[in-house]
Amino acid sequence: MKATYSQAQVKRKADALERQLRLVMHGVPLELVDHATGDQLLVMEEIVNRDIEIQYKIKEAATSNGIGIAFGGKK
């Protein structure tokens, strides 16, 4: 398979699709993303970003707790 796009073309196309693809990757149905306005996409992206942040905080707390248990701090 031969690629015909230049690196600049690839970057432009990726920039144009990034928001929609990230939403789909995080479970937002493709049909919803396809028919959403720009403002709706921004709202969905904000919700996904909040979820990512919450998940990160949960994992961070679990890791800290595990380290504490490993070194005898908590039981």
PDB file of N, CA and C in Angstrom:
ATOM      1  N   MET A   1       0.852  -1.169   0.000  1.00  0.00           N
ATOM      2  CA  MET A   1       0.000   0.000   0.000  1.00  0.00           C
ATOM      3  C   MET A   1       0.899   1.233   0.000  1.00  0.00           C
ATOM      4  N   LYS A   2       0.701   2.074  -0.959  1.00  0.00           N
ATOM      5  CA  LYS A   2       1.521   3.271  -1.081  1.00  0.00           C
ATOM      6  C   LYS A   2       0.729   4.497  -0.619  1.00  0.00           C
ATOM      7  N   ALA A   3       1.353   5.312   0.205  1.00  0.00           N
ATOM      8  CA  ALA A   3       0.728   6.540   0.684  1.00  0.00           C
ATOM      9  C   ALA A   3       1.007   7.660  -0.315  1.00  0.00           C
ATOM     10  N   THR A   4      -0.025   8.464  -0.580  1.00  0.00           N
ATOM     11  CA  THR A   4       0.138   9.553  -1.541  1.00  0.00           C
ATOM     12  C   THR A   4       0.076  10.931  -0.899  1.00  0.00           C
ATOM     13  N   TYR A   5      -0.340  10.990   0.364  1.00  0.00           N
ATOM     14  CA  TYR A   5      -0.420  12.279   1.049  1.00  0.00           C
ATOM     15  C   TYR A   5       0.970  12.722   1.503  1.00  0.00           C
ATOM     16  N   SER A   6       1.192  14.025   1.467  1.00  0.00           N
ATOM     17  CA  SER A   6       2.413  14.570   2.058  1.00  0.00           C
ATOM     18  C   SER A   6       2.208  14.623   3.572  1.00  0.00           C
ATOM     19  N   GLN A   7       3.270  14.835   4.312  1.00  0.00           N
ATOM     20  CA  GLN A   7       3.163  14.917   5.770  1.00  0.00           C
ATOM     21  C   GLN A   7       2.241  16.070   6.186  1.00  0.00           C
ATOM     22  N   ALA A   8       2.298  17.172   5.464  1.00  0.00           N
ATOM     23  CA  ALA A   8       1.424  18.317   5.776  1.00  0.00           C
ATOM     24  C   ALA A   8      -0.042  17.953   5.551  1.00  0.00           C
ATOM     25  N   GLN A   9      -0.337  17.207   4.489  1.00  0.00           N
ATOM     26  CA  GLN A   9      -1.712  16.788   4.211  1.00  0.00           C
ATOM     27  C   GLN A   9      -2.211  15.836   5.295  1.00  0.00           C
ATOM     28  N   VAL A  10      -1.353  14.926   5.712  1.00  0.00           N
ATOM     29  CA  VAL A  10      -1.718  13.991   6.773  1.00  0.00           C
ATOM     30  C   VAL A  10      -2.043  14.762   8.047  1.00  0.00           C
ATOM     31  N   LYS A  11      -1.214  15.729   8.395  1.00  0.00           N
ATOM     32  CA  LYS A  11      -1.437  16.518   9.604  1.00  0.00           C
ATOM     33  C   LYS A  11      -2.748  17.298   9.526  1.00  0.00           C
ATOM     34  N   ARG A  12      -3.018  17.926   8.387  1.00  0.00           N
ATOM     35  CA  ARG A  12      -4.264  18.679   8.214  1.00  0.00           C
ATOM     36  C   ARG A  12      -5.486  17.780   8.357  1.00  0.00           C
ATOM     37  N   LYS A  13      -5.453  16.631   7.735  1.00  0.00           N
ATOM     38  CA  LYS A  13      -6.592  15.713   7.804  1.00  0.00           C
ATOM     39  C   LYS A  13      -6.770  15.158   9.220  1.00  0.00           C
ATOM     40  N   ALA A  14      -5.657  14.848   9.881  1.00  0.00           N
ATOM     41  CA  ALA A  14      -5.732  14.362  11.262  1.00  0.00           C
ATOM     42  C   ALA A  14      -6.302  15.444  12.183  1.00  0.00           C
ATOM     43  N   ASP A  15      -5.867  16.672  12.001  1.00  0.00           N
ATOM     44  CA  ASP A  15      -6.388  17.778  12.809  1.00  0.00           C
ATOM     45  C   ASP A  15      -7.899  17.928  12.614  1.00  0.00           C
ATOM     46  N   ALA A  16      -8.361  17.752  11.376  1.00  0.00           N
ATOM     47  CA  ALA A  16      -9.776  17.918  11.076  1.00  0.00           C
ATOM     48  C   ALA A  16     -10.632  16.808  11.687  1.00  0.00           C
ATOM     49  N   LEU A  17     -10.083  15.621  11.833  1.00  0.00           N
ATOM     50  CA  LEU A  17     -10.866  14.475  12.319  1.00  0.00           C
ATOM     51  C   LEU A  17     -10.638  14.133  13.788  1.00  0.00           C
ATOM     52  N   GLU A  18      -9.665  14.759  14.407  1.00  0.00           N
ATOM     53  CA  GLU A  18      -9.249  14.347  15.750  1.00  0.00           C
ATOM     54  C   GLU A  18     -10.384  14.383  16.766  1.00  0.00           C
ATOM     55  N   ARG A  19     -11.118  15.455  16.844  1.00  0.00           N
ATOM     56  CA  ARG A  19     -12.168  15.579  17.854  1.00  0.00           C
ATOM     57  C   ARG A  19     -13.208  14.464  17.692  1.00  0.00           C
ATOM     58  N   GLN A  20     -13.676  14.262  16.457  1.00  0.00           N
ATOM     59  CA  GLN A  20     -14.700  13.243  16.229  1.00  0.00           C
ATOM     60  C   GLN A  20     -14.175  11.846  16.545  1.00  0.00           C
ATOM     61  N   LEU A  21     -12.958  11.548  16.122  1.00  0.00           N
ATOM     62  CA  LEU A  21     -12.401  10.224  16.357  1.00  0.00           C
ATOM     63  C   LEU A  21     -12.186   9.969  17.841  1.00  0.00           C
ATOM     64  N   ARG A  22     -11.709  10.968  18.568  1.00  0.00           N
ATOM     65  CA  ARG A  22     -11.516  10.793  20.009  1.00  0.00           C
ATOM     66  C   ARG A  22     -12.853  10.523  20.714  1.00  0.00           C
ATOM     67  N   LEU A  23     -13.890  11.221  20.295  1.00  0.00           N
ATOM     68  CA  LEU A  23     -15.208  10.986  20.891  1.00  0.00           C
ATOM     69  C   LEU A  23     -15.666   9.556  20.637  1.00  0.00           C
ATOM     70  N   VAL A  24     -15.496   9.083  19.415  1.00  0.00           N
ATOM     71  CA  VAL A  24     -15.892   7.715  19.081  1.00  0.00           C
ATOM     72  C   VAL A  24     -15.042   6.709  19.865  1.00  0.00           C
ATOM     73  N   MET A  25     -13.743   6.984  19.988  1.00  0.00           N
ATOM     74  CA  MET A  25     -12.850   6.092  20.740  1.00  0.00           C
ATOM     75  C   MET A  25     -13.262   5.994  22.210  1.00  0.00           C
ATOM     76  N   HIS A  26     -13.909   7.026  22.724  1.00  0.00           N
ATOM     77  CA  HIS A  26     -14.341   7.031  24.120  1.00  0.00           C
ATOM     78  C   HIS A  26     -15.793   6.595  24.277  1.00  0.00           C
ATOM     79  N   GLY A  27     -16.366   6.033  23.214  1.00  0.00           N
ATOM     80  CA  GLY A  27     -17.674   5.410  23.336  1.00  0.00           C
ATOM     81  C   GLY A  27     -18.862   6.222  22.873  1.00  0.00           C
ATOM     82  N   VAL A  28     -18.661   7.431  22.388  1.00  0.00           N
ATOM     83  CA  VAL A  28     -19.786   8.210  21.864  1.00  0.00           C
ATOM     84  C   VAL A  28     -20.168   7.590  20.518  1.00  0.00           C
ATOM     85  N   PRO A  29     -21.437   7.263  20.324  1.00  0.00           N
ATOM     86  CA  PRO A  29     -21.845   6.615  19.075  1.00  0.00           C
ATOM     87  C   PRO A  29     -21.505   7.454  17.836  1.00  0.00           C
ATOM     88  N   LEU A  30     -21.036   6.788  16.809  1.00  0.00           N
ATOM     89  CA  LEU A  30     -20.651   7.451  15.568  1.00  0.00           C
ATOM     90  C   LEU A  30     -21.809   8.262  14.987  1.00  0.00           C
ATOM     91  N   GLU A  31     -23.016   7.733  15.065  1.00  0.00           N
ATOM     92  CA  GLU A  31     -24.179   8.439  14.522  1.00  0.00           C
ATOM     93  C   GLU A  31     -24.394   9.777  15.228  1.00  0.00           C
ATOM     94  N   LEU A  32     -24.146   9.800  16.522  1.00  0.00           N
ATOM     95  CA  LEU A  32     -24.291  11.037  17.295  1.00  0.00           C
ATOM     96  C   LEU A  32     -23.220  12.040  16.896  1.00  0.00           C
ATOM     97  N   VAL A  33     -21.996  11.572  16.746  1.00  0.00           N
ATOM     98  CA  VAL A  33     -20.889  12.440  16.359  1.00  0.00           C
ATOM     99  C   VAL A  33     -21.086  12.977  14.950  1.00  0.00           C
ATOM    100  N   ASP A  34     -21.538  12.113  14.036  1.00  0.00           N
ATOM    101  CA  ASP A  34     -21.733  12.513  12.637  1.00  0.00           C
ATOM    102  C   ASP A  34     -22.759  13.622  12.461  1.00  0.00           C
ATOM    103  N   HIS A  35     -23.769  13.643  13.318  1.00  0.00           N
ATOM    104  CA  HIS A  35     -24.859  14.601  13.154  1.00  0.00           C
ATOM    105  C   HIS A  35     -24.783  15.774  14.121  1.00  0.00           C
ATOM    106  N   ALA A  36     -23.711  15.875  14.873  1.00  0.00           N
ATOM    107  CA  ALA A  36     -23.592  16.930  15.879  1.00  0.00           C
ATOM    108  C   ALA A  36     -23.076  18.228  15.253  1.00  0.00           C
ATOM    109  N   THR A  37     -23.494  19.337  15.833  1.00  0.00           N
ATOM    110  CA  THR A  37     -22.964  20.642  15.435  1.00  0.00           C
ATOM    111  C   THR A  37     -21.596  20.825  16.099  1.00  0.00           C
ATOM    112  N   GLY A  38     -20.888  21.849  15.707  1.00  0.00           N
ATOM    113  CA  GLY A  38     -19.598  22.149  16.316  1.00  0.00           C
ATOM    114  C   GLY A  38     -19.714  22.377  17.816  1.00  0.00           C
ATOM    115  N   ASP A  39     -20.767  23.105  18.235  1.00  0.00           N
ATOM    116  CA  ASP A  39     -20.970  23.347  19.665  1.00  0.00           C
ATOM    117  C   ASP A  39     -21.268  22.052  20.410  1.00  0.00           C
ATOM    118  N   GLN A  40     -22.064  21.187  19.811  1.00  0.00           N
ATOM    119  CA  GLN A  40     -22.375  19.911  20.443  1.00  0.00           C
ATOM    120  C   GLN A  40     -21.123  19.047  20.578  1.00  0.00           C
ATOM    121  N   LEU A  41     -20.266  19.077  19.568  1.00  0.00           N
ATOM    122  CA  LEU A  41     -19.008  18.335  19.645  1.00  0.00           C
ATOM    123  C   LEU A  41     -18.138  18.852  20.783  1.00  0.00           C
ATOM    124  N   LEU A  42     -18.114  20.175  20.952  1.00  0.00           N
ATOM    125  CA  LEU A  42     -17.333  20.762  22.049  1.00  0.00           C
ATOM    126  C   LEU A  42     -17.864  20.318  23.412  1.00  0.00           C
ATOM    127  N   VAL A  43     -19.189  20.260  23.558  1.00  0.00           N
ATOM    128  CA  VAL A  43     -19.786  19.834  24.819  1.00  0.00           C
ATOM    129  C   VAL A  43     -19.450  18.363  25.084  1.00  0.00           C
ATOM    130  N   MET A  44     -19.579  17.524  24.066  1.00  0.00           N
ATOM    131  CA  MET A  44     -19.249  16.108  24.224  1.00  0.00           C
ATOM    132  C   MET A  44     -17.772  15.931  24.564  1.00  0.00           C
ATOM    133  N   GLU A  45     -16.919  16.712  23.930  1.00  0.00           N
ATOM    134  CA  GLU A  45     -15.490  16.637  24.204  1.00  0.00           C
ATOM    135  C   GLU A  45     -15.198  17.044  25.652  1.00  0.00           C
ATOM    136  N   GLU A  46     -15.866  18.055  26.158  1.00  0.00           N
ATOM    137  CA  GLU A  46     -15.686  18.486  27.541  1.00  0.00           C
ATOM    138  C   GLU A  46     -16.085  17.370  28.507  1.00  0.00           C
ATOM    139  N   ILE A  47     -17.174  16.694  28.209  1.00  0.00           N
ATOM    140  CA  ILE A  47     -17.633  15.600  29.064  1.00  0.00           C
ATOM    141  C   ILE A  47     -16.616  14.460  29.053  1.00  0.00           C
ATOM    142  N   VAL A  48     -16.116  14.113  27.884  1.00  0.00           N
ATOM    143  CA  VAL A  48     -15.102  13.056  27.779  1.00  0.00           C
ATOM    144  C   VAL A  48     -13.846  13.459  28.543  1.00  0.00           C
ATOM    145  N   ASN A  49     -13.417  14.709  28.394  1.00  0.00           N
ATOM    146  CA  ASN A  49     -12.216  15.177  29.101  1.00  0.00           C
ATOM    147  C   ASN A  49     -12.401  15.121  30.617  1.00  0.00           C
ATOM    148  N   ARG A  50     -13.581  15.467  31.092  1.00  0.00           N
ATOM    149  CA  ARG A  50     -13.857  15.378  32.528  1.00  0.00           C
ATOM    150  C   ARG A  50     -13.777  13.928  32.991  1.00  0.00           C
ATOM    151  N   ASP A  51     -14.337  13.019  32.187  1.00  0.00           N
ATOM    152  CA  ASP A  51     -14.296  11.612  32.537  1.00  0.00           C
ATOM    153  C   ASP A  51     -12.854  11.100  32.594  1.00  0.00           C
ATOM    154  N   ILE A  52     -12.039  11.506  31.638  1.00  0.00           N
ATOM    155  CA  ILE A  52     -10.629  11.108  31.633  1.00  0.00           C
ATOM    156  C   ILE A  52      -9.941  11.600  32.897  1.00  0.00           C
ATOM    157  N   GLU A  53     -10.222  12.836  33.280  1.00  0.00           N
ATOM    158  CA  GLU A  53      -9.613  13.409  34.482  1.00  0.00           C
ATOM    159  C   GLU A  53     -10.037  12.653  35.739  1.00  0.00           C
ATOM    160  N   ILE A  54     -11.320  12.312  35.831  1.00  0.00           N
ATOM    161  CA  ILE A  54     -11.818  11.557  36.988  1.00  0.00           C
ATOM    162  C   ILE A  54     -11.172  10.175  37.039  1.00  0.00           C
ATOM    163  N   GLN A  55     -11.101   9.507  35.892  1.00  0.00           N
ATOM    164  CA  GLN A  55     -10.476   8.183  35.848  1.00  0.00           C
ATOM    165  C   GLN A  55      -9.009   8.256  36.258  1.00  0.00           C
ATOM    166  N   TYR A  56      -8.323   9.300  35.823  1.00  0.00           N
ATOM    167  CA  TYR A  56      -6.918   9.490  36.203  1.00  0.00           C
ATOM    168  C   TYR A  56      -6.791   9.647  37.713  1.00  0.00           C
ATOM    169  N   LYS A  57      -7.663  10.448  38.311  1.00  0.00           N
ATOM    170  CA  LYS A  57      -7.607  10.669  39.759  1.00  0.00           C
ATOM    171  C   LYS A  57      -7.886   9.380  40.526  1.00  0.00           C
ATOM    172  N   ILE A  58      -8.814   8.575  40.029  1.00  0.00           N
ATOM    173  CA  ILE A  58      -9.122   7.295  40.682  1.00  0.00           C
ATOM    174  C   ILE A  58      -7.911   6.374  40.621  1.00  0.00           C
ATOM    175  N   LYS A  59      -7.283   6.290  39.462  1.00  0.00           N
ATOM    176  CA  LYS A  59      -6.104   5.423  39.306  1.00  0.00           C
ATOM    177  C   LYS A  59      -4.942   5.929  40.154  1.00  0.00           C
ATOM    178  N   GLU A  60      -4.797   7.244  40.216  1.00  0.00           N
ATOM    179  CA  GLU A  60      -3.727   7.837  41.020  1.00  0.00           C
ATOM    180  C   GLU A  60      -3.925   7.509  42.495  1.00  0.00           C
ATOM    181  N   ALA A  61      -5.158   7.617  42.970  1.00  0.00           N
ATOM    182  CA  ALA A  61      -5.454   7.306  44.372  1.00  0.00           C
ATOM    183  C   ALA A  61      -5.227   5.822  44.650  1.00  0.00           C
ATOM    184  N   ALA A  62      -5.637   4.962  43.723  1.00  0.00           N
ATOM    185  CA  ALA A  62      -5.445   3.527  43.905  1.00  0.00           C
ATOM    186  C   ALA A  62      -3.960   3.178  43.943  1.00  0.00           C
ATOM    187  N   THR A  63      -3.180   3.799  43.084  1.00  0.00           N
ATOM    188  CA  THR A  63      -1.737   3.559  43.063  1.00  0.00           C
ATOM    189  C   THR A  63      -1.099   4.020  44.363  1.00  0.00           C
ATOM    190  N   SER A  64      -1.470   5.208  44.816  1.00  0.00           N
ATOM    191  CA  SER A  64      -0.926   5.731  46.078  1.00  0.00           C
ATOM    192  C   SER A  64      -1.290   4.822  47.242  1.00  0.00           C
ATOM    193  N   ASN A  65      -2.519   4.344  47.238  1.00  0.00           N
ATOM    194  CA  ASN A  65      -2.965   3.447  48.301  1.00  0.00           C
ATOM    195  C   ASN A  65      -2.175   2.145  48.254  1.00  0.00           C
ATOM    196  N   GLY A  66      -1.965   1.615  47.062  1.00  0.00           N
ATOM    197  CA  GLY A  66      -1.202   0.380  46.919  1.00  0.00           C
ATOM    198  C   GLY A  66       0.231   0.527  47.377  1.00  0.00           C
ATOM    199  N   ILE A  67       0.840   1.646  47.073  1.00  0.00           N
ATOM    200  CA  ILE A  67       2.214   1.908  47.525  1.00  0.00           C
ATOM    201  C   ILE A  67       2.245   2.024  49.043  1.00  0.00           C
ATOM    202  N   GLY A  68       1.263   2.690  49.599  1.00  0.00           N
ATOM    203  CA  GLY A  68       1.195   2.809  51.052  1.00  0.00           C
ATOM    204  C   GLY A  68       1.068   1.448  51.715  1.00  0.00           C
ATOM    205  N   ILE A  69       0.235   0.588  51.167  1.00  0.00           N
ATOM    206  CA  ILE A  69       0.072  -0.765  51.725  1.00  0.00           C
ATOM    207  C   ILE A  69       1.368  -1.556  51.588  1.00  0.00           C
ATOM    208  N   ALA A  70       2.026  -1.429  50.438  1.00  0.00           N
ATOM    209  CA  ALA A  70       3.262  -2.166  50.188  1.00  0.00           C
ATOM    210  C   ALA A  70       4.358  -1.804  51.184  1.00  0.00           C
ATOM    211  N   PHE A  71       4.345  -0.572  51.638  1.00  0.00           N
ATOM    212  CA  PHE A  71       5.382  -0.129  52.580  1.00  0.00           C
ATOM    213  C   PHE A  71       4.879  -0.089  54.020  1.00  0.00           C
ATOM    214  N   GLY A  72       3.743  -0.733  54.270  1.00  0.00           N
ATOM    215  CA  GLY A  72       3.243  -0.884  55.630  1.00  0.00           C
ATOM    216  C   GLY A  72       2.518   0.301  56.205  1.00  0.00           C
ATOM    217  N   GLY A  73       2.132   1.253  55.372  1.00  0.00           N
ATOM    218  CA  GLY A  73       1.468   2.443  55.881  1.00  0.00           C
ATOM    219  C   GLY A  73       0.004   2.254  56.205  1.00  0.00           C
ATOM    220  N   LYS A  74      -0.729   1.596  55.346  1.00  0.00           N
ATOM    221  CA  LYS A  74      -2.174   1.422  55.530  1.00  0.00           C
ATOM    222  C   LYS A  74      -2.501  -0.056  55.483  1.00  0.00           C
ATOM    223  N   LYS A  75      -3.609  -0.386  56.101  1.00  0.00           N
ATOM    224  CA  LYS A  75      -4.077  -1.783  56.048  1.00  0.00           C
ATOM    225  C   LYS A  75      -5.528  -1.807  55.673  1.00  0.00           C
TER     226      LYS A  75
END
